[in-house]
């Protein structure tokens, strides 16, 4: 007895699941950085931008006040190089130096480290969820 295996459309569904997972992963990570960053004026937290191929190092203006996350305007797919960057000149210091990062809203001084150490788990979780949807 012979059984056939119908894979029509499988690769398209697989590609769609991978793209969806990667998009969710980037957007969730940007959201985590936005939500955890210390806030004085909101400029640092509001300057995490997703970009493709080159880091977007623009930053909110010096007189910025408020909290507003900038969403990526296009479609995010699992191809090329993607970045989440922050162009505020003191962002590296606030992210890596506990003295300056102590005002982190989620995770205190270790707000950035807490997020970056979970990147693989965040990605893997999104991928598993979306792969399970393939039928």
Protein backbone atom coordinates (compact mmCIF):
# COMPACT_ATOMS: atom_id res chain seq x y z
CA UNK A 1 0.00 0.00 0.00
CA UNK A 2 1.38 3.40 -0.95
CA UNK A 3 0.61 6.65 0.82
CA UNK A 4 1.24 10.05 -0.68
CA UNK A 5 2.38 13.06 1.23
CA UNK A 6 0.85 16.34 0.10
CA UNK A 7 3.20 19.21 0.81
CA UNK A 8 1.44 21.74 -1.39
CA UNK A 9 1.51 25.09 0.31
CA UNK A 10 3.63 23.82 3.21
CA UNK A 11 6.71 25.90 2.41
CA UNK A 12 4.64 29.05 2.00
CA UNK A 13 3.02 28.41 5.39
CA UNK A 14 6.43 27.74 6.93
CA UNK A 15 7.86 30.96 5.52
CA UNK A 16 4.83 32.91 6.76
CA UNK A 17 5.20 31.42 10.27
CA UNK A 18 8.90 32.30 10.37
CA UNK A 19 8.25 35.87 9.21
CA UNK A 20 5.43 36.27 11.74
CA UNK A 21 7.62 34.93 14.56
CA UNK A 22 10.50 37.22 13.70
CA UNK A 23 8.23 40.25 13.42
CA UNK A 24 6.66 39.51 16.81
CA UNK A 25 10.11 38.95 18.33
CA UNK A 26 11.43 42.34 17.15
CA UNK A 27 8.30 44.22 18.15
CA UNK A 28 8.11 42.57 21.57
CA UNK A 29 11.78 43.33 22.22
CA UNK A 30 11.30 46.97 21.21
CA UNK A 31 8.26 47.11 23.50
CA UNK A 32 10.21 45.59 26.39
CA UNK A 33 13.02 48.14 25.97
CA UNK A 34 10.48 50.97 25.77
CA UNK A 35 8.63 49.76 28.87
CA UNK A 36 11.72 49.10 31.01
CA UNK A 37 13.98 52.07 30.22
CA UNK A 38 14.41 54.70 32.91
CA UNK A 39 12.29 57.79 32.38
CA UNK A 40 13.16 61.35 33.12
CA UNK A 41 11.66 63.08 30.08
CA UNK A 42 10.81 59.92 28.11
CA UNK A 43 13.33 60.72 25.37
CA UNK A 44 15.46 57.60 25.90
CA UNK A 45 12.52 55.20 26.12
CA UNK A 46 10.85 56.75 23.07
CA UNK A 47 14.00 56.51 20.90
CA UNK A 48 14.22 52.74 20.37
CA UNK A 49 13.70 52.28 16.63
CA UNK A 50 13.49 49.13 14.52
CA UNK A 51 15.30 49.36 11.19
CA UNK A 52 16.51 47.10 8.40
CA UNK A 53 20.05 46.84 7.00
CA UNK A 54 21.46 49.82 8.97
CA UNK A 55 20.80 50.97 12.53
CA UNK A 56 18.44 53.94 12.81
CA UNK A 57 20.37 56.18 15.18
CA UNK A 58 17.97 59.09 15.13
CA UNK A 59 16.66 60.21 18.49
CA UNK A 60 13.76 62.22 19.79
CA UNK A 61 14.58 65.93 20.05
CA UNK A 62 16.43 67.29 23.09
CA UNK A 63 13.23 68.93 24.35
CA UNK A 64 11.13 65.75 23.97
CA UNK A 65 8.77 64.93 26.81
CA UNK A 66 6.35 62.05 26.97
CA UNK A 67 6.30 58.37 26.16
CA UNK A 68 5.56 57.24 22.63
CA UNK A 69 6.95 54.15 20.97
CA UNK A 70 7.60 54.49 17.23
CA UNK A 71 6.38 51.43 15.35
CA UNK A 72 8.23 50.18 12.28
CA UNK A 73 6.27 51.46 9.28
CA UNK A 74 6.85 48.52 6.92
CA UNK A 75 6.53 44.76 6.95
CA UNK A 76 9.06 42.87 9.02
CA UNK A 77 10.30 39.68 7.41
CA UNK A 78 13.03 37.23 8.39
CA UNK A 79 15.57 38.40 5.84
CA UNK A 80 18.49 40.81 5.88
CA UNK A 81 19.87 42.41 9.02
CA UNK A 82 17.49 44.00 11.49
CA UNK A 83 18.32 46.38 14.31
CA UNK A 84 16.74 47.90 17.36
CA UNK A 85 18.84 50.98 17.98
CA UNK A 86 18.72 54.06 20.14
CA UNK A 87 20.42 57.27 18.99
CA UNK A 88 20.29 59.10 22.31
CA UNK A 89 23.94 59.85 23.04
CA UNK A 90 23.79 58.54 26.62
CA UNK A 91 21.76 55.38 25.82
CA UNK A 92 24.74 53.00 26.06
CA UNK A 93 25.70 54.36 29.49
CA UNK A 94 22.14 54.08 30.83
CA UNK A 95 21.82 50.54 29.44
CA UNK A 96 25.11 49.18 30.75
CA UNK A 97 26.10 51.21 33.82
CA UNK A 98 24.05 50.39 36.95
CA UNK A 99 24.66 53.86 38.37
CA UNK A 100 22.91 55.51 35.43
CA UNK A 101 20.39 52.71 34.82
CA UNK A 102 19.07 52.58 38.35
CA UNK A 103 15.82 54.21 37.33
CA UNK A 104 14.82 51.31 35.08
CA UNK A 105 11.07 50.89 35.35
CA UNK A 106 11.24 47.10 34.96
CA UNK A 107 14.27 45.36 36.43
CA UNK A 108 15.83 48.38 38.11
CA UNK A 109 19.51 48.93 37.26
CA UNK A 110 19.65 45.66 35.30
CA UNK A 111 16.70 46.57 33.02
CA UNK A 112 18.70 46.24 29.79
CA UNK A 113 20.59 43.10 30.80
CA UNK A 114 17.35 41.40 31.85
CA UNK A 115 15.90 41.95 28.36
CA UNK A 116 18.99 41.06 26.33
CA UNK A 117 19.65 37.82 28.20
CA UNK A 118 16.14 36.65 27.30
CA UNK A 119 16.35 37.35 23.54
CA UNK A 120 16.87 33.72 22.47
CA UNK A 121 14.02 32.52 24.68
CA UNK A 122 11.71 35.25 23.37
CA UNK A 123 12.53 34.33 19.77
CA UNK A 124 12.18 30.58 20.34
CA UNK A 125 8.84 31.01 22.10
CA UNK A 126 7.38 33.07 19.23
CA UNK A 127 8.67 30.55 16.68
CA UNK A 128 7.17 27.56 18.51
CA UNK A 129 3.81 29.30 18.80
CA UNK A 130 3.65 30.14 15.11
CA UNK A 131 4.99 26.77 13.88
CA UNK A 132 2.23 25.00 15.82
CA UNK A 133 -0.31 26.88 13.71
CA UNK A 134 0.87 25.22 10.48
CA UNK A 135 -1.54 22.55 9.31
